[in-house]
Amino acid sequence: MTKEERDIQRKRKLKVLRHAEKIGDVGRACRYFGIGRSSFYRWKASFEQNGEAGLINQKPIPKNPANQTPPEIVDKVLYLRSKYHLGSIRIVWYLARDITTSKSPTLV
């Protein structure tokens, strides 16, 4: 999304918020602009919290998802793929063997 598109988007949302404030009826303003009330209230909360910068769409995914593959495994997969040209099945076998041997208790 270009800077111009983000600016247009921000101005549209601001226009909706100001129109609703002016007429004093959120339902009518949402119908007039063709948006849902939940979107309106989300925009309003974001505007109250962050000002006009809060009206610009952010990425919908979290920066650190809980189920993200650990970086050391990603590095290992990329290394095996580039160095040995292994396919997905062999990489899975290699990682399964590597993980099970690394988790086994050491005998003293």
N, C-alpha and C. Protein backbone atom coordinates (compact mmCIF):
# COMPACT_ATOMS: atom_id res chain seq x y z
N MET A 1 0.84 -1.16 0.00
CA MET A 1 0.00 0.00 0.00
C MET A 1 0.90 1.24 0.00
N THR A 2 0.65 2.12 -0.93
CA THR A 2 1.47 3.32 -1.05
C THR A 2 1.07 4.36 0.00
N LYS A 3 1.90 5.37 0.11
CA LYS A 3 1.64 6.42 1.09
C LYS A 3 0.35 7.17 0.74
N GLU A 4 0.12 7.37 -0.54
CA GLU A 4 -1.10 8.07 -0.97
C GLU A 4 -2.35 7.28 -0.61
N GLU A 5 -2.30 5.96 -0.81
CA GLU A 5 -3.45 5.11 -0.47
C GLU A 5 -3.72 5.13 1.02
N ARG A 6 -2.64 5.07 1.83
CA ARG A 6 -2.81 5.13 3.29
C ARG A 6 -3.40 6.47 3.71
N ASP A 7 -2.98 7.54 3.05
CA ASP A 7 -3.50 8.86 3.37
C ASP A 7 -4.98 8.98 3.02
N ILE A 8 -5.37 8.44 1.87
CA ILE A 8 -6.78 8.44 1.46
C ILE A 8 -7.62 7.64 2.46
N GLN A 9 -7.10 6.47 2.84
CA GLN A 9 -7.79 5.60 3.80
C GLN A 9 -7.97 6.31 5.15
N ARG A 10 -6.91 6.96 5.61
CA ARG A 10 -6.96 7.68 6.88
C ARG A 10 -7.99 8.81 6.82
N LYS A 11 -7.99 9.56 5.73
CA LYS A 11 -8.93 10.67 5.59
C LYS A 11 -10.37 10.18 5.54
N ARG A 12 -10.62 9.05 4.88
CA ARG A 12 -11.98 8.50 4.80
C ARG A 12 -12.48 8.11 6.19
N LYS A 13 -11.64 7.44 6.95
CA LYS A 13 -12.04 7.02 8.29
C LYS A 13 -12.29 8.24 9.18
N LEU A 14 -11.44 9.23 9.05
CA LEU A 14 -11.61 10.46 9.83
C LEU A 14 -12.91 11.16 9.45
N LYS A 15 -13.25 11.14 8.17
CA LYS A 15 -14.49 11.75 7.69
C LYS A 15 -15.71 11.04 8.29
N VAL A 16 -15.65 9.70 8.36
CA VAL A 16 -16.74 8.93 8.95
C VAL A 16 -16.89 9.28 10.43
N LEU A 17 -15.78 9.33 11.15
CA LEU A 17 -15.83 9.64 12.58
C LEU A 17 -16.39 11.04 12.83
N ARG A 18 -15.95 11.99 12.04
CA ARG A 18 -16.43 13.37 12.22
C ARG A 18 -17.91 13.51 11.86
N HIS A 19 -18.33 12.79 10.81
CA HIS A 19 -19.74 12.85 10.40
C HIS A 19 -20.63 12.27 11.50
N ALA A 20 -20.21 11.16 12.09
CA ALA A 20 -21.00 10.55 13.16
C ALA A 20 -21.08 11.48 14.37
N GLU A 21 -19.98 12.16 14.66
CA GLU A 21 -19.97 13.09 15.78
C GLU A 21 -20.89 14.28 15.48
N LYS A 22 -20.87 14.72 14.23
CA LYS A 22 -21.66 15.89 13.84
C LYS A 22 -23.16 15.62 13.93
N ILE A 23 -23.60 14.45 13.40
CA ILE A 23 -25.03 14.17 13.40
C ILE A 23 -25.49 13.53 14.70
N GLY A 24 -24.55 12.98 15.47
CA GLY A 24 -24.89 12.40 16.76
C GLY A 24 -25.56 11.05 16.69
N ASP A 25 -25.47 10.37 15.55
CA ASP A 25 -26.10 9.05 15.40
C ASP A 25 -25.14 8.13 14.64
N VAL A 26 -24.54 7.20 15.37
CA VAL A 26 -23.56 6.30 14.79
C VAL A 26 -24.20 5.39 13.75
N GLY A 27 -25.38 4.90 14.04
CA GLY A 27 -26.06 3.98 13.11
C GLY A 27 -26.31 4.61 11.76
N ARG A 28 -26.80 5.84 11.76
CA ARG A 28 -27.07 6.54 10.50
C ARG A 28 -25.78 6.82 9.74
N ALA A 29 -24.74 7.21 10.46
CA ALA A 29 -23.46 7.49 9.81
C ALA A 29 -22.88 6.22 9.18
N CYS A 30 -23.00 5.10 9.87
CA CYS A 30 -22.49 3.84 9.34
C CYS A 30 -23.27 3.41 8.10
N ARG A 31 -24.59 3.57 8.15
CA ARG A 31 -25.40 3.23 6.97
C ARG A 31 -25.07 4.15 5.80
N TYR A 32 -24.87 5.42 6.08
CA TYR A 32 -24.57 6.40 5.03
C TYR A 32 -23.26 6.05 4.31
N PHE A 33 -22.25 5.66 5.08
CA PHE A 33 -20.95 5.34 4.49
C PHE A 33 -20.80 3.87 4.13
N GLY A 34 -21.76 3.05 4.50
CA GLY A 34 -21.72 1.63 4.15
C GLY A 34 -20.68 0.84 4.91
N ILE A 35 -20.53 1.13 6.19
CA ILE A 35 -19.59 0.38 7.01
C ILE A 35 -20.33 -0.23 8.19
N GLY A 36 -19.72 -1.22 8.83
CA GLY A 36 -20.32 -1.84 9.99
C GLY A 36 -20.02 -1.06 11.26
N ARG A 37 -20.90 -1.22 12.24
CA ARG A 37 -20.69 -0.52 13.51
C ARG A 37 -19.43 -0.99 14.21
N SER A 38 -19.15 -2.28 14.10
CA SER A 38 -17.95 -2.79 14.77
C SER A 38 -16.69 -2.12 14.20
N SER A 39 -16.69 -1.91 12.87
CA SER A 39 -15.55 -1.21 12.27
C SER A 39 -15.48 0.22 12.78
N PHE A 40 -16.62 0.87 12.86
CA PHE A 40 -16.66 2.26 13.35
C PHE A 40 -16.08 2.35 14.76
N TYR A 41 -16.55 1.48 15.64
CA TYR A 41 -16.08 1.56 17.03
C TYR A 41 -14.62 1.17 17.16
N ARG A 42 -14.14 0.27 16.31
CA ARG A 42 -12.72 -0.08 16.30
C ARG A 42 -11.89 1.13 15.86
N TRP A 43 -12.35 1.82 14.81
CA TRP A 43 -11.67 3.03 14.33
C TRP A 43 -11.69 4.11 15.40
N LYS A 44 -12.83 4.26 16.06
CA LYS A 44 -12.97 5.30 17.08
C LYS A 44 -12.02 5.05 18.25
N ALA A 45 -11.95 3.80 18.69
CA ALA A 45 -11.05 3.47 19.80
C ALA A 45 -9.59 3.69 19.40
N SER A 46 -9.26 3.30 18.20
CA SER A 46 -7.90 3.49 17.73
C SER A 46 -7.55 4.97 17.59
N PHE A 47 -8.52 5.76 17.13
CA PHE A 47 -8.32 7.20 16.98
C PHE A 47 -8.14 7.86 18.34
N GLU A 48 -8.94 7.46 19.31
CA GLU A 48 -8.84 8.03 20.65
C GLU A 48 -7.51 7.67 21.31
N GLN A 49 -7.01 6.49 20.99
CA GLN A 49 -5.77 6.02 21.60
C GLN A 49 -4.53 6.61 20.92
N ASN A 50 -4.52 6.62 19.57
CA ASN A 50 -3.31 6.97 18.83
C ASN A 50 -3.44 8.18 17.93
N GLY A 51 -4.57 8.84 17.93
CA GLY A 51 -4.76 9.98 17.05
C GLY A 51 -4.94 9.53 15.60
N GLU A 52 -4.59 10.40 14.67
CA GLU A 52 -4.78 10.08 13.26
C GLU A 52 -3.91 8.93 12.80
N ALA A 53 -2.78 8.72 13.44
CA ALA A 53 -1.90 7.61 13.07
C ALA A 53 -2.57 6.26 13.35
N GLY A 54 -3.50 6.23 14.28
CA GLY A 54 -4.21 5.00 14.60
C GLY A 54 -5.21 4.59 13.54
N LEU A 55 -5.52 5.47 12.61
CA LEU A 55 -6.49 5.15 11.56
C LEU A 55 -5.86 4.44 10.37
N ILE A 56 -4.54 4.33 10.35
CA ILE A 56 -3.86 3.63 9.26
C ILE A 56 -3.86 2.14 9.59
N ASN A 57 -4.23 1.31 8.61
CA ASN A 57 -4.30 -0.13 8.83
C ASN A 57 -2.93 -0.70 9.18
N GLN A 58 -2.91 -1.57 10.15
CA GLN A 58 -1.69 -2.27 10.54
C GLN A 58 -1.76 -3.69 10.01
N LYS A 59 -0.65 -4.40 10.07
CA LYS A 59 -0.64 -5.79 9.66
C LYS A 59 -1.56 -6.59 10.58
N PRO A 60 -2.35 -7.50 10.02
CA PRO A 60 -3.30 -8.23 10.85
C PRO A 60 -2.70 -9.36 11.66
N ILE A 61 -1.41 -9.66 11.47
CA ILE A 61 -0.81 -10.77 12.20
C ILE A 61 0.09 -10.24 13.31
N PRO A 62 0.22 -10.98 14.39
CA PRO A 62 1.13 -10.55 15.44
C PRO A 62 2.58 -10.69 14.99
N LYS A 63 3.47 -9.91 15.57
CA LYS A 63 4.86 -9.95 15.17
C LYS A 63 5.55 -11.23 15.61
N ASN A 64 5.12 -11.81 16.73
CA ASN A 64 5.73 -13.04 17.24
C ASN A 64 4.64 -14.06 17.55
N PRO A 65 4.14 -14.76 16.54
CA PRO A 65 3.09 -15.75 16.82
C PRO A 65 3.62 -16.89 17.69
N ALA A 66 2.74 -17.42 18.49
CA ALA A 66 3.14 -18.46 19.45
C ALA A 66 3.57 -19.75 18.76
N ASN A 67 3.00 -20.05 17.60
CA ASN A 67 3.32 -21.32 16.95
C ASN A 67 4.37 -21.17 15.85
N GLN A 68 5.19 -20.15 15.93
CA GLN A 68 6.23 -19.92 14.94
C GLN A 68 7.35 -20.94 15.12
N THR A 69 7.88 -21.43 14.01
CA THR A 69 8.99 -22.38 14.05
C THR A 69 10.22 -21.68 14.62
N PRO A 70 10.91 -22.35 15.56
CA PRO A 70 12.10 -21.73 16.15
C PRO A 70 13.16 -21.42 15.08
N PRO A 71 13.88 -20.33 15.22
CA PRO A 71 14.85 -19.92 14.21
C PRO A 71 15.96 -20.93 13.97
N GLU A 72 16.37 -21.68 15.00
CA GLU A 72 17.44 -22.66 14.80
C GLU A 72 16.98 -23.80 13.88
N ILE A 73 15.70 -24.17 13.95
CA ILE A 73 15.18 -25.21 13.05
C ILE A 73 15.07 -24.66 11.64
N VAL A 74 14.63 -23.43 11.50
CA VAL A 74 14.54 -22.82 10.17
C VAL A 74 15.92 -22.76 9.53
N ASP A 75 16.93 -22.34 10.32
CA ASP A 75 18.29 -22.28 9.80
C ASP A 75 18.79 -23.66 9.38
N LYS A 76 18.47 -24.67 10.18
CA LYS A 76 18.91 -26.03 9.86
C LYS A 76 18.25 -26.53 8.57
N VAL A 77 16.95 -26.26 8.40
CA VAL A 77 16.24 -26.68 7.19
C VAL A 77 16.85 -26.00 5.96
N LEU A 78 17.08 -24.71 6.06
CA LEU A 78 17.67 -23.98 4.93
C LEU A 78 19.07 -24.48 4.61
N TYR A 79 19.84 -24.81 5.65
CA TYR A 79 21.18 -25.35 5.44
C TYR A 79 21.11 -26.71 4.73
N LEU A 80 20.26 -27.60 5.22
CA LEU A 80 20.14 -28.93 4.60
C LEU A 80 19.67 -28.83 3.15
N ARG A 81 18.77 -27.92 2.91
CA ARG A 81 18.22 -27.75 1.56
C ARG A 81 19.28 -27.22 0.60
N SER A 82 20.05 -26.23 1.03
CA SER A 82 21.03 -25.62 0.13
C SER A 82 22.31 -26.44 0.00
N LYS A 83 22.78 -27.02 1.10
CA LYS A 83 24.06 -27.74 1.08
C LYS A 83 23.92 -29.14 0.48
N TYR A 84 22.90 -29.89 0.91
CA TYR A 84 22.77 -31.29 0.48
C TYR A 84 21.63 -31.51 -0.51
N HIS A 85 20.87 -30.47 -0.82
CA HIS A 85 19.75 -30.55 -1.77
C HIS A 85 18.74 -31.63 -1.38
N LEU A 86 18.48 -31.72 -0.07
CA LEU A 86 17.52 -32.69 0.42
C LEU A 86 16.10 -32.20 0.16
N GLY A 87 15.20 -33.16 -0.05
CA GLY A 87 13.80 -32.83 -0.21
C GLY A 87 13.11 -32.75 1.13
N SER A 88 11.82 -32.48 1.09
CA SER A 88 11.08 -32.26 2.34
C SER A 88 11.02 -33.52 3.21
N ILE A 89 10.84 -34.68 2.59
CA ILE A 89 10.72 -35.91 3.38
C ILE A 89 12.02 -36.23 4.08
N ARG A 90 13.13 -36.12 3.39
CA ARG A 90 14.42 -36.41 4.03
C ARG A 90 14.76 -35.39 5.10
N ILE A 91 14.38 -34.16 4.90
CA ILE A 91 14.61 -33.15 5.93
C ILE A 91 13.79 -33.47 7.18
N VAL A 92 12.55 -33.90 6.99
CA VAL A 92 11.71 -34.30 8.12
C VAL A 92 12.35 -35.47 8.85
N TRP A 93 12.82 -36.47 8.11
CA TRP A 93 13.47 -37.62 8.74
C TRP A 93 14.70 -37.18 9.52
N TYR A 94 15.50 -36.32 8.92
CA TYR A 94 16.72 -35.85 9.57
C TYR A 94 16.39 -35.10 10.86
N LEU A 95 15.41 -34.20 10.77
CA LEU A 95 15.04 -33.42 11.95
C LEU A 95 14.43 -34.30 13.04
N ALA A 96 13.61 -35.29 12.64
CA ALA A 96 13.01 -36.20 13.62
C ALA A 96 14.11 -36.98 14.35
N ARG A 97 15.09 -37.46 13.61
CA ARG A 97 16.19 -38.20 14.22
C ARG A 97 17.02 -37.28 15.11
N ASP A 98 17.28 -36.08 14.63
CA ASP A 98 18.10 -35.13 15.37
C ASP A 98 17.41 -34.70 16.66
N ILE A 99 16.11 -34.46 16.60
CA ILE A 99 15.37 -34.01 17.77
C ILE A 99 15.25 -35.12 18.80
N THR A 100 14.98 -36.36 18.36
CA THR A 100 14.84 -37.46 19.32
C THR A 100 16.17 -37.78 19.98
N THR A 101 17.27 -37.67 19.25
CA THR A 101 18.57 -37.96 19.87
C THR A 101 19.01 -36.84 20.80
N SER A 102 18.63 -35.62 20.51
CA SER A 102 19.05 -34.52 21.36
C SER A 102 18.21 -34.47 22.64
N LYS A 103 16.99 -35.03 22.64
CA LYS A 103 16.16 -35.01 23.83
C LYS A 103 16.37 -36.23 24.72
N SER A 104 17.09 -37.23 24.23
CA SER A 104 17.30 -38.42 25.05
C SER A 104 18.25 -38.09 26.19
N PRO A 105 17.99 -38.69 27.36
CA PRO A 105 18.85 -38.38 28.51
C PRO A 105 20.26 -38.96 28.30
N THR A 106 21.23 -38.24 28.80
CA THR A 106 22.60 -38.70 28.66
C THR A 106 22.91 -39.68 29.77
N LEU A 107 23.61 -40.73 29.43
CA LEU A 107 24.00 -41.73 30.42
C LEU A 107 25.39 -41.41 30.92
N VAL A 108 25.53 -41.40 32.22
CA VAL A 108 26.83 -41.07 32.81
C VAL A 108 27.50 -42.30 33.29
